[in-house]
All heavy atoms as atom14 arrays in JSON, in Angstrom:
{
  "sequence": "GDLIPDLLDQVRPDLVLYNAGVDPHRNDRLGRLCLSDNGLLNRDR",
  "atom14_mask": [
    [1, 1, 1, 1, 0, 0, 0, 0, 0, 0, 0, 0, 0, 0],
    [1, 1, 1, 1, 1, 1, 1, 1, 0, 0, 0, 0, 0, 0],
    [1, 1, 1, 1, 1, 1, 1, 1, 0, 0, 0, 0, 0, 0],
    [1, 1, 1, 1, 1, 1, 1, 1, 0, 0, 0, 0, 0, 0],
    [1, 1, 1, 1, 1, 1, 1, 0, 0, 0, 0, 0, 0, 0],
    [1, 1, 1, 1, 1, 1, 1, 1, 0, 0, 0, 0, 0, 0],
    [1, 1, 1, 1, 1, 1, 1, 1, 0, 0, 0, 0, 0, 0],
    [1, 1, 1, 1, 1, 1, 1, 1, 0, 0, 0, 0, 0, 0],
    [1, 1, 1, 1, 1, 1, 1, 1, 0, 0, 0, 0, 0, 0],
    [1, 1, 1, 1, 1, 1, 1, 1, 1, 0, 0, 0, 0, 0],
    [1, 1, 1, 1, 1, 1, 1, 0, 0, 0, 0, 0, 0, 0],
    [1, 1, 1, 1, 1, 1, 1, 1, 1, 1, 1, 0, 0, 0],
    [1, 1, 1, 1, 1, 1, 1, 0, 0, 0, 0, 0, 0, 0],
    [1, 1, 1, 1, 1, 1, 1, 1, 0, 0, 0, 0, 0, 0],
    [1, 1, 1, 1, 1, 1, 1, 1, 0, 0, 0, 0, 0, 0],
    [1, 1, 1, 1, 1, 1, 1, 0, 0, 0, 0, 0, 0, 0],
    [1, 1, 1, 1, 1, 1, 1, 1, 0, 0, 0, 0, 0, 0],
    [1, 1, 1, 1, 1, 1, 1, 1, 1, 1, 1, 1, 0, 0],
    [1, 1, 1, 1, 1, 1, 1, 1, 0, 0, 0, 0, 0, 0],
    [1, 1, 1, 1, 1, 0, 0, 0, 0, 0, 0, 0, 0, 0],
    [1, 1, 1, 1, 0, 0, 0, 0, 0, 0, 0, 0, 0, 0],
    [1, 1, 1, 1, 1, 1, 1, 0, 0, 0, 0, 0, 0, 0],
    [1, 1, 1, 1, 1, 1, 1, 1, 0, 0, 0, 0, 0, 0],
    [1, 1, 1, 1, 1, 1, 1, 0, 0, 0, 0, 0, 0, 0],
    [1, 1, 1, 1, 1, 1, 1, 1, 1, 1, 0, 0, 0, 0],
    [1, 1, 1, 1, 1, 1, 1, 1, 1, 1, 1, 0, 0, 0],
    [1, 1, 1, 1, 1, 1, 1, 1, 0, 0, 0, 0, 0, 0],
    [1, 1, 1, 1, 1, 1, 1, 1, 0, 0, 0, 0, 0, 0],
    [1, 1, 1, 1, 1, 1, 1, 1, 1, 1, 1, 0, 0, 0],
    [1, 1, 1, 1, 1, 1, 1, 1, 0, 0, 0, 0, 0, 0],
    [1, 1, 1, 1, 0, 0, 0, 0, 0, 0, 0, 0, 0, 0],
    [1, 1, 1, 1, 1, 1, 1, 1, 1, 1, 1, 0, 0, 0],
    [1, 1, 1, 1, 1, 1, 1, 1, 0, 0, 0, 0, 0, 0],
    [1, 1, 1, 1, 1, 1, 0, 0, 0, 0, 0, 0, 0, 0],
    [1, 1, 1, 1, 1, 1, 1, 1, 0, 0, 0, 0, 0, 0],
    [1, 1, 1, 1, 1, 1, 0, 0, 0, 0, 0, 0, 0, 0],
    [1, 1, 1, 1, 1, 1, 1, 1, 0, 0, 0, 0, 0, 0],
    [1, 1, 1, 1, 1, 1, 1, 1, 0, 0, 0, 0, 0, 0],
    [1, 1, 1, 1, 0, 0, 0, 0, 0, 0, 0, 0, 0, 0],
    [1, 1, 1, 1, 1, 1, 1, 1, 0, 0, 0, 0, 0, 0],
    [1, 1, 1, 1, 1, 1, 1, 1, 0, 0, 0, 0, 0, 0],
    [1, 1, 1, 1, 1, 1, 1, 1, 0, 0, 0, 0, 0, 0],
    [1, 1, 1, 1, 1, 1, 1, 1, 1, 1, 1, 0, 0, 0],
    [1, 1, 1, 1, 1, 1, 1, 1, 0, 0, 0, 0, 0, 0],
    [1, 1, 1, 1, 1, 1, 1, 1, 1, 1, 1, 0, 0, 0]
  ],
  "atom14_positions": [
    [[119.24, 116.17, 57.91], [118.71, 115.01, 57.18], [118.54, 113.77, 58.01], [117.63, 112.96, 57.76], [0.0, 0.0, 0.0], [0.0, 0.0, 0.0], [0.0, 0.0, 0.0], [0.0, 0.0, 0.0], [0.0, 0.0, 0.0], [0.0, 0.0, 0.0], [0.0, 0.0, 0.0], [0.0, 0.0, 0.0], [0.0, 0.0, 0.0], [0.0, 0.0, 0.0]],
    [[119.41, 113.56, 58.99], [119.26, 112.42, 59.91], [118.66, 112.85, 61.23], [117.96, 112.07, 61.88], [120.62, 111.76, 60.16], [121.14, 111.03, 58.93], [120.31, 110.5, 58.16], [122.37, 111.01, 58.74], [0.0, 0.0, 0.0], [0.0, 0.0, 0.0], [0.0, 0.0, 0.0], [0.0, 0.0, 0.0], [0.0, 0.0, 0.0], [0.0, 0.0, 0.0]],
    [[118.95, 114.08, 61.63], [118.5, 114.57, 62.94], [116.98, 114.5, 63.08], [116.45, 113.96, 64.06], [118.99, 116.0, 63.15], [118.48, 116.72, 64.41], [119.0, 116.03, 65.66], [118.9, 118.2, 64.39], [0.0, 0.0, 0.0], [0.0, 0.0, 0.0], [0.0, 0.0, 0.0], [0.0, 0.0, 0.0], [0.0, 0.0, 0.0], [0.0, 0.0, 0.0]],
    [[116.27, 115.06, 62.1], [114.81, 115.15, 62.24], [114.15, 113.77, 62.19], [113.32, 113.45, 63.05], [114.24, 116.12, 61.18], [114.67, 117.56, 61.54], [112.72, 116.02, 61.1], [114.29, 118.6, 60.52], [0.0, 0.0, 0.0], [0.0, 0.0, 0.0], [0.0, 0.0, 0.0], [0.0, 0.0, 0.0], [0.0, 0.0, 0.0], [0.0, 0.0, 0.0]],
    [[114.5, 112.89, 61.24], [113.91, 111.55, 61.28], [114.21, 110.8, 62.58], [113.32, 110.14, 63.14], [114.53, 110.84, 60.07], [114.93, 111.94, 59.15], [115.33, 113.08, 60.03], [0.0, 0.0, 0.0], [0.0, 0.0, 0.0], [0.0, 0.0, 0.0], [0.0, 0.0, 0.0], [0.0, 0.0, 0.0], [0.0, 0.0, 0.0], [0.0, 0.0, 0.0]],
    [[115.43, 110.91, 63.08], [115.8, 110.2, 64.31], [114.97, 110.71, 65.49], [114.49, 109.91, 66.31], [117.29, 110.38, 64.61], [118.18, 109.58, 63.66], [117.64, 108.73, 62.91], [119.4, 109.82, 63.65], [0.0, 0.0, 0.0], [0.0, 0.0, 0.0], [0.0, 0.0, 0.0], [0.0, 0.0, 0.0], [0.0, 0.0, 0.0], [0.0, 0.0, 0.0]],
    [[114.79, 112.03, 65.59], [114.01, 112.57, 66.69], [112.54, 112.16, 66.59], [111.91, 111.81, 67.6], [114.13, 114.1, 66.72], [115.48, 114.66, 67.19], [115.48, 116.17, 67.08], [115.77, 114.22, 68.61], [0.0, 0.0, 0.0], [0.0, 0.0, 0.0], [0.0, 0.0, 0.0], [0.0, 0.0, 0.0], [0.0, 0.0, 0.0], [0.0, 0.0, 0.0]],
    [[111.99, 112.19, 65.38], [110.6, 111.77, 65.22], [110.42, 110.31, 65.6], [109.4, 109.94, 66.2], [110.14, 112.02, 63.79], [109.91, 113.48, 63.4], [109.66, 113.6, 61.91], [108.75, 114.09, 64.18], [0.0, 0.0, 0.0], [0.0, 0.0, 0.0], [0.0, 0.0, 0.0], [0.0, 0.0, 0.0], [0.0, 0.0, 0.0], [0.0, 0.0, 0.0]],
    [[111.38, 109.48, 65.26], [111.29, 108.06, 65.63], [111.4, 107.86, 67.14], [110.79, 106.95, 67.7], [112.37, 107.26, 64.91], [112.1, 107.11, 63.43], [110.92, 107.25, 63.01], [113.06, 106.86, 62.66], [0.0, 0.0, 0.0], [0.0, 0.0, 0.0], [0.0, 0.0, 0.0], [0.0, 0.0, 0.0], [0.0, 0.0, 0.0], [0.0, 0.0, 0.0]],
    [[112.18, 108.71, 67.8], [112.31, 108.61, 69.26], [111.04, 109.1, 69.97], [110.56, 108.46, 70.9], [113.5, 109.44, 69.74], [114.86, 108.93, 69.34], [115.95, 109.93, 69.68], [115.84, 110.7, 70.64], [117.01, 109.95, 68.87], [0.0, 0.0, 0.0], [0.0, 0.0, 0.0], [0.0, 0.0, 0.0], [0.0, 0.0, 0.0], [0.0, 0.0, 0.0]],
    [[110.53, 110.23, 69.52], [109.44, 110.9, 70.24], [108.06, 110.38, 69.82], [107.15, 110.26, 70.64], [109.53, 112.43, 70.03], [108.37, 113.15, 70.71], [110.87, 112.95, 70.55], [0.0, 0.0, 0.0], [0.0, 0.0, 0.0], [0.0, 0.0, 0.0], [0.0, 0.0, 0.0], [0.0, 0.0, 0.0], [0.0, 0.0, 0.0], [0.0, 0.0, 0.0]],
    [[107.88, 110.11, 68.52], [106.59, 109.7, 67.96], [105.46, 110.65, 68.41], [104.49, 110.24, 69.03], [106.23, 108.27, 68.36], [107.21, 107.22, 67.87], [107.37, 107.21, 66.36], [106.12, 106.97, 65.65], [106.02, 106.9, 64.33], [107.09, 107.07, 63.57], [104.85, 106.67, 63.76], [0.0, 0.0, 0.0], [0.0, 0.0, 0.0], [0.0, 0.0, 0.0]],
    [[105.6, 111.95, 68.09], [104.57, 112.91, 68.52], [103.26, 112.69, 67.78], [103.23, 112.13, 66.67], [105.19, 114.25, 68.15], [106.08, 113.94, 66.99], [106.65, 112.59, 67.28], [0.0, 0.0, 0.0], [0.0, 0.0, 0.0], [0.0, 0.0, 0.0], [0.0, 0.0, 0.0], [0.0, 0.0, 0.0], [0.0, 0.0, 0.0], [0.0, 0.0, 0.0]],
    [[102.19, 113.16, 68.38], [100.87, 113.11, 67.74], [100.71, 114.22, 66.71], [99.81, 114.16, 65.86], [99.76, 113.23, 68.79], [99.78, 112.09, 69.79], [100.01, 110.94, 69.36], [99.59, 112.34, 70.99], [0.0, 0.0, 0.0], [0.0, 0.0, 0.0], [0.0, 0.0, 0.0], [0.0, 0.0, 0.0], [0.0, 0.0, 0.0], [0.0, 0.0, 0.0]],
    [[101.56, 115.26, 66.79], [101.48, 116.4, 65.87], [102.83, 117.11, 65.87], [103.48, 117.22, 66.91], [100.39, 117.39, 66.33], [100.26, 118.69, 65.53], [99.71, 118.43, 64.12], [99.36, 119.69, 66.26], [0.0, 0.0, 0.0], [0.0, 0.0, 0.0], [0.0, 0.0, 0.0], [0.0, 0.0, 0.0], [0.0, 0.0, 0.0], [0.0, 0.0, 0.0]],
    [[103.23, 117.59, 64.7], [104.39, 118.47, 64.58], [103.92, 119.87, 64.21], [103.08, 120.04, 63.31], [105.38, 117.95, 63.51], [106.37, 119.03, 63.08], [106.13, 116.73, 64.03], [0.0, 0.0, 0.0], [0.0, 0.0, 0.0], [0.0, 0.0, 0.0], [0.0, 0.0, 0.0], [0.0, 0.0, 0.0], [0.0, 0.0, 0.0], [0.0, 0.0, 0.0]],
    [[104.44, 120.87, 64.91], [104.27, 122.27, 64.55], [105.59, 122.72, 63.94], [106.63, 122.7, 64.61], [103.94, 123.11, 65.79], [102.66, 122.71, 66.55], [102.55, 123.51, 67.85], [101.42, 122.94, 65.69], [0.0, 0.0, 0.0], [0.0, 0.0, 0.0], [0.0, 0.0, 0.0], [0.0, 0.0, 0.0], [0.0, 0.0, 0.0], [0.0, 0.0, 0.0]],
    [[105.56, 123.1, 62.67], [106.78, 123.38, 61.91], [106.89, 124.86, 61.58], [106.07, 125.4, 60.82], [106.79, 122.54, 60.63], [107.9, 122.88, 59.65], [109.19, 123.18, 60.09], [107.66, 122.89, 58.28], [110.2, 123.49, 59.19], [108.66, 123.19, 57.36], [109.93, 123.5, 57.83], [110.92, 123.81, 56.95], [0.0, 0.0, 0.0], [0.0, 0.0, 0.0]],
    [[107.93, 125.5, 62.11], [108.22, 126.9, 61.8], [109.16, 126.92, 60.6], [110.35, 126.63, 60.71], [108.87, 127.59, 63.01], [109.13, 129.07, 62.78], [109.23, 129.52, 61.64], [109.23, 129.82, 63.85], [0.0, 0.0, 0.0], [0.0, 0.0, 0.0], [0.0, 0.0, 0.0], [0.0, 0.0, 0.0], [0.0, 0.0, 0.0], [0.0, 0.0, 0.0]],
    [[108.61, 127.29, 59.44], [109.36, 127.28, 58.18], [109.89, 128.67, 57.85], [109.74, 129.16, 56.73], [108.47, 126.76, 57.05], [0.0, 0.0, 0.0], [0.0, 0.0, 0.0], [0.0, 0.0, 0.0], [0.0, 0.0, 0.0], [0.0, 0.0, 0.0], [0.0, 0.0, 0.0], [0.0, 0.0, 0.0], [0.0, 0.0, 0.0], [0.0, 0.0, 0.0]],
    [[110.52, 129.32, 58.82], [111.09, 130.64, 58.57], [112.01, 130.64, 57.35], [112.77, 129.69, 57.15], [0.0, 0.0, 0.0], [0.0, 0.0, 0.0], [0.0, 0.0, 0.0], [0.0, 0.0, 0.0], [0.0, 0.0, 0.0], [0.0, 0.0, 0.0], [0.0, 0.0, 0.0], [0.0, 0.0, 0.0], [0.0, 0.0, 0.0], [0.0, 0.0, 0.0]],
    [[111.95, 131.69, 56.54], [112.79, 131.76, 55.34], [114.01, 132.65, 55.54], [114.75, 132.92, 54.59], [111.98, 132.22, 54.1], [110.88, 131.22, 53.79], [111.42, 133.63, 54.27], [0.0, 0.0, 0.0], [0.0, 0.0, 0.0], [0.0, 0.0, 0.0], [0.0, 0.0, 0.0], [0.0, 0.0, 0.0], [0.0, 0.0, 0.0], [0.0, 0.0, 0.0]],
    [[114.25, 133.08, 56.77], [115.41, 133.94, 57.01], [116.76, 133.21, 57.01], [117.8, 133.88, 57.09], [115.24, 134.77, 58.29], [114.58, 134.02, 59.43], [114.48, 132.78, 59.35], [114.16, 134.68, 60.41], [0.0, 0.0, 0.0], [0.0, 0.0, 0.0], [0.0, 0.0, 0.0], [0.0, 0.0, 0.0], [0.0, 0.0, 0.0], [0.0, 0.0, 0.0]],
    [[116.83, 131.85, 56.86], [118.13, 131.26, 56.54], [118.61, 131.55, 55.11], [119.71, 131.15, 54.73], [117.9, 129.74, 56.73], [116.72, 129.63, 57.62], [115.86, 130.8, 57.25], [0.0, 0.0, 0.0], [0.0, 0.0, 0.0], [0.0, 0.0, 0.0], [0.0, 0.0, 0.0], [0.0, 0.0, 0.0], [0.0, 0.0, 0.0], [0.0, 0.0, 0.0]],
    [[117.8, 132.25, 54.32], [118.16, 132.53, 52.93], [119.4, 133.42, 52.86], [119.61, 134.3, 53.7], [116.99, 133.21, 52.21], [117.14, 133.25, 50.73], [117.82, 134.26, 50.08], [116.71, 132.4, 49.76], [117.78, 134.04, 48.77], [117.12, 132.91, 48.56], [0.0, 0.0, 0.0], [0.0, 0.0, 0.0], [0.0, 0.0, 0.0], [0.0, 0.0, 0.0]],
    [[120.19, 133.24, 51.82], [121.47, 133.95, 51.67], [121.28, 135.46, 51.55], [122.21, 136.23, 51.86], [122.22, 133.43, 50.45], [121.49, 133.61, 49.12], [122.3, 133.07, 47.95], [122.7, 131.69, 48.15], [122.85, 130.8, 47.18], [122.63, 131.16, 45.92], [123.21, 129.57, 47.44], [0.0, 0.0, 0.0], [0.0, 0.0, 0.0], [0.0, 0.0, 0.0]],
    [[120.11, 135.92, 51.09], [119.9, 137.35, 50.91], [119.11, 137.99, 52.05], [118.8, 139.19, 51.99], [119.16, 137.62, 49.59], [120.01, 137.24, 48.39], [121.24, 137.26, 48.44], [119.35, 136.87, 47.29], [0.0, 0.0, 0.0], [0.0, 0.0, 0.0], [0.0, 0.0, 0.0], [0.0, 0.0, 0.0], [0.0, 0.0, 0.0], [0.0, 0.0, 0.0]],
    [[118.78, 137.23, 53.07], [117.97, 137.79, 54.15], [118.79, 138.82, 54.95], [119.94, 138.56, 55.31], [117.48, 136.67, 55.07], [116.38, 137.16, 55.99], [116.7, 137.68, 57.08], [115.2, 137.07, 55.6], [0.0, 0.0, 0.0], [0.0, 0.0, 0.0], [0.0, 0.0, 0.0], [0.0, 0.0, 0.0], [0.0, 0.0, 0.0], [0.0, 0.0, 0.0]],
    [[118.16, 139.94, 55.24], [118.86, 141.02, 55.93], [119.24, 140.67, 57.36], [120.18, 141.22, 57.92], [117.99, 142.29, 55.93], [117.86, 142.95, 54.57], [117.33, 144.36, 54.68], [115.93, 144.39, 55.06], [114.93, 144.56, 54.21], [115.18, 144.72, 52.92], [113.69, 144.59, 54.63], [0.0, 0.0, 0.0], [0.0, 0.0, 0.0], [0.0, 0.0, 0.0]],
    [[118.49, 139.75, 57.98], [118.74, 139.39, 59.38], [119.19, 137.95, 59.52], [119.06, 137.35, 60.59], [117.46, 139.63, 60.21], [116.89, 141.04, 60.18], [115.66, 141.13, 61.08], [117.93, 142.06, 60.62], [0.0, 0.0, 0.0], [0.0, 0.0, 0.0], [0.0, 0.0, 0.0], [0.0, 0.0, 0.0], [0.0, 0.0, 0.0], [0.0, 0.0, 0.0]],
    [[119.73, 137.37, 58.46], [119.97, 135.94, 58.43], [121.34, 135.47, 58.89], [121.54, 135.08, 60.02], [0.0, 0.0, 0.0], [0.0, 0.0, 0.0], [0.0, 0.0, 0.0], [0.0, 0.0, 0.0], [0.0, 0.0, 0.0], [0.0, 0.0, 0.0], [0.0, 0.0, 0.0], [0.0, 0.0, 0.0], [0.0, 0.0, 0.0], [0.0, 0.0, 0.0]],
    [[122.33, 135.47, 57.99], [123.71, 135.02, 58.2], [123.95, 133.58, 57.72], [125.09, 133.14, 57.73], [124.19, 135.17, 59.65], [124.19, 136.6, 60.15], [124.83, 136.69, 61.53], [124.7, 138.04, 62.06], [125.03, 138.4, 63.29], [125.54, 137.49, 64.12], [124.87, 139.63, 63.7], [0.0, 0.0, 0.0], [0.0, 0.0, 0.0], [0.0, 0.0, 0.0]],
    [[122.92, 132.84, 57.38], [123.14, 131.57, 56.7], [123.1, 131.83, 55.19], [122.9, 132.97, 54.76], [122.12, 130.53, 57.13], [122.18, 130.11, 58.6], [121.18, 129.0, 58.89], [123.58, 129.69, 59.01], [0.0, 0.0, 0.0], [0.0, 0.0, 0.0], [0.0, 0.0, 0.0], [0.0, 0.0, 0.0], [0.0, 0.0, 0.0], [0.0, 0.0, 0.0]],
    [[123.24, 130.78, 54.38], [123.44, 131.01, 52.95], [122.63, 130.02, 52.1], [123.14, 129.5, 51.12], [124.93, 130.91, 52.63], [125.4, 131.86, 51.16], [0.0, 0.0, 0.0], [0.0, 0.0, 0.0], [0.0, 0.0, 0.0], [0.0, 0.0, 0.0], [0.0, 0.0, 0.0], [0.0, 0.0, 0.0], [0.0, 0.0, 0.0], [0.0, 0.0, 0.0]],
    [[121.37, 129.8, 52.47], [120.53, 128.9, 51.68], [119.98, 129.62, 50.46], [119.78, 130.85, 50.48], [119.37, 128.35, 52.53], [119.67, 127.07, 53.33], [120.74, 127.31, 54.38], [118.4, 126.53, 53.97], [0.0, 0.0, 0.0], [0.0, 0.0, 0.0], [0.0, 0.0, 0.0], [0.0, 0.0, 0.0], [0.0, 0.0, 0.0], [0.0, 0.0, 0.0]],
    [[119.72, 128.86, 49.41], [119.06, 129.37, 48.21], [117.57, 129.09, 48.3], [117.09, 128.41, 49.21], [119.64, 128.67, 46.98], [119.29, 127.28, 47.0], [0.0, 0.0, 0.0], [0.0, 0.0, 0.0], [0.0, 0.0, 0.0], [0.0, 0.0, 0.0], [0.0, 0.0, 0.0], [0.0, 0.0, 0.0], [0.0, 0.0, 0.0], [0.0, 0.0, 0.0]],
    [[116.81, 129.6, 47.32], [115.39, 129.26, 47.25], [115.2, 127.75, 47.16], [114.34, 127.17, 47.83], [114.75, 129.92, 46.02], [114.53, 131.41, 46.18], [114.9, 131.96, 47.25], [114.01, 132.03, 45.25], [0.0, 0.0, 0.0], [0.0, 0.0, 0.0], [0.0, 0.0, 0.0], [0.0, 0.0, 0.0], [0.0, 0.0, 0.0], [0.0, 0.0, 0.0]],
    [[116.03, 127.11, 46.32], [115.9, 125.66, 46.16], [116.27, 124.92, 47.45], [115.68, 123.89, 47.79], [116.78, 125.18, 45.01], [116.35, 123.83, 44.49], [115.17, 123.62, 44.2], [117.29, 122.89, 44.4], [0.0, 0.0, 0.0], [0.0, 0.0, 0.0], [0.0, 0.0, 0.0], [0.0, 0.0, 0.0], [0.0, 0.0, 0.0], [0.0, 0.0, 0.0]],
    [[117.24, 125.46, 48.17], [117.6, 124.86, 49.45], [116.46, 124.92, 50.45], [116.19, 123.95, 51.18], [0.0, 0.0, 0.0], [0.0, 0.0, 0.0], [0.0, 0.0, 0.0], [0.0, 0.0, 0.0], [0.0, 0.0, 0.0], [0.0, 0.0, 0.0], [0.0, 0.0, 0.0], [0.0, 0.0, 0.0], [0.0, 0.0, 0.0], [0.0, 0.0, 0.0]],
    [[115.77, 126.06, 50.5], [114.61, 126.19, 51.39], [113.5, 125.24, 50.99], [112.86, 124.59, 51.84], [114.09, 127.63, 51.38], [114.97, 128.68, 52.06], [114.42, 130.08, 51.77], [115.05, 128.45, 53.56], [0.0, 0.0, 0.0], [0.0, 0.0, 0.0], [0.0, 0.0, 0.0], [0.0, 0.0, 0.0], [0.0, 0.0, 0.0], [0.0, 0.0, 0.0]],
    [[113.25, 125.14, 49.68], [112.19, 124.24, 49.2], [112.52, 122.79, 49.57], [111.65, 122.05, 50.04], [112.03, 124.39, 47.69], [110.98, 123.5, 47.03], [109.59, 123.74, 47.6], [110.98, 123.72, 45.51], [0.0, 0.0, 0.0], [0.0, 0.0, 0.0], [0.0, 0.0, 0.0], [0.0, 0.0, 0.0], [0.0, 0.0, 0.0], [0.0, 0.0, 0.0]],
    [[113.77, 122.37, 49.38], [114.15, 121.0, 49.71], [114.12, 120.75, 51.22], [113.8, 119.65, 51.67], [115.52, 120.68, 49.14], [115.46, 120.46, 47.64], [114.45, 120.0, 47.11], [116.54, 120.8, 46.94], [0.0, 0.0, 0.0], [0.0, 0.0, 0.0], [0.0, 0.0, 0.0], [0.0, 0.0, 0.0], [0.0, 0.0, 0.0], [0.0, 0.0, 0.0]],
    [[114.45, 121.79, 51.99], [114.3, 121.7, 53.45], [112.85, 121.41, 53.83], [112.54, 120.52, 54.63], [114.75, 123.02, 54.09], [114.54, 123.11, 55.57], [114.53, 124.55, 56.06], [113.35, 125.29, 55.6], [113.05, 126.52, 56.02], [113.84, 127.16, 56.86], [111.96, 127.13, 55.56], [0.0, 0.0, 0.0], [0.0, 0.0, 0.0], [0.0, 0.0, 0.0]],
    [[111.92, 122.18, 53.24], [110.5, 122.01, 53.55], [110.0, 120.64, 53.1], [109.23, 119.97, 53.81], [109.67, 123.12, 52.91], [110.0, 124.49, 53.47], [110.55, 124.55, 54.59], [109.72, 125.5, 52.79], [0.0, 0.0, 0.0], [0.0, 0.0, 0.0], [0.0, 0.0, 0.0], [0.0, 0.0, 0.0], [0.0, 0.0, 0.0], [0.0, 0.0, 0.0]],
    [[110.42, 120.22, 51.92], [110.04, 118.89, 51.45], [110.53, 117.81, 52.42], [109.81, 116.86, 52.72], [110.64, 118.64, 50.06], [109.95, 119.39, 48.93], [110.76, 119.26, 47.65], [110.03, 119.77, 46.49], [110.63, 120.21, 45.38], [111.96, 120.19, 45.29], [109.9, 120.65, 44.38], [0.0, 0.0, 0.0], [0.0, 0.0, 0.0], [0.0, 0.0, 0.0]]
  ]
}
């Protein structure tokens, strides 16, 4: 929540390429993190 805004303010890139992988989800077979659908949606927002 603070990391990404701080980095954007430091770098001020002309474009962001965002990899929105959904494998941090709690049910992902190759994941190991424990996010919910709502957690992923709020991450993307």
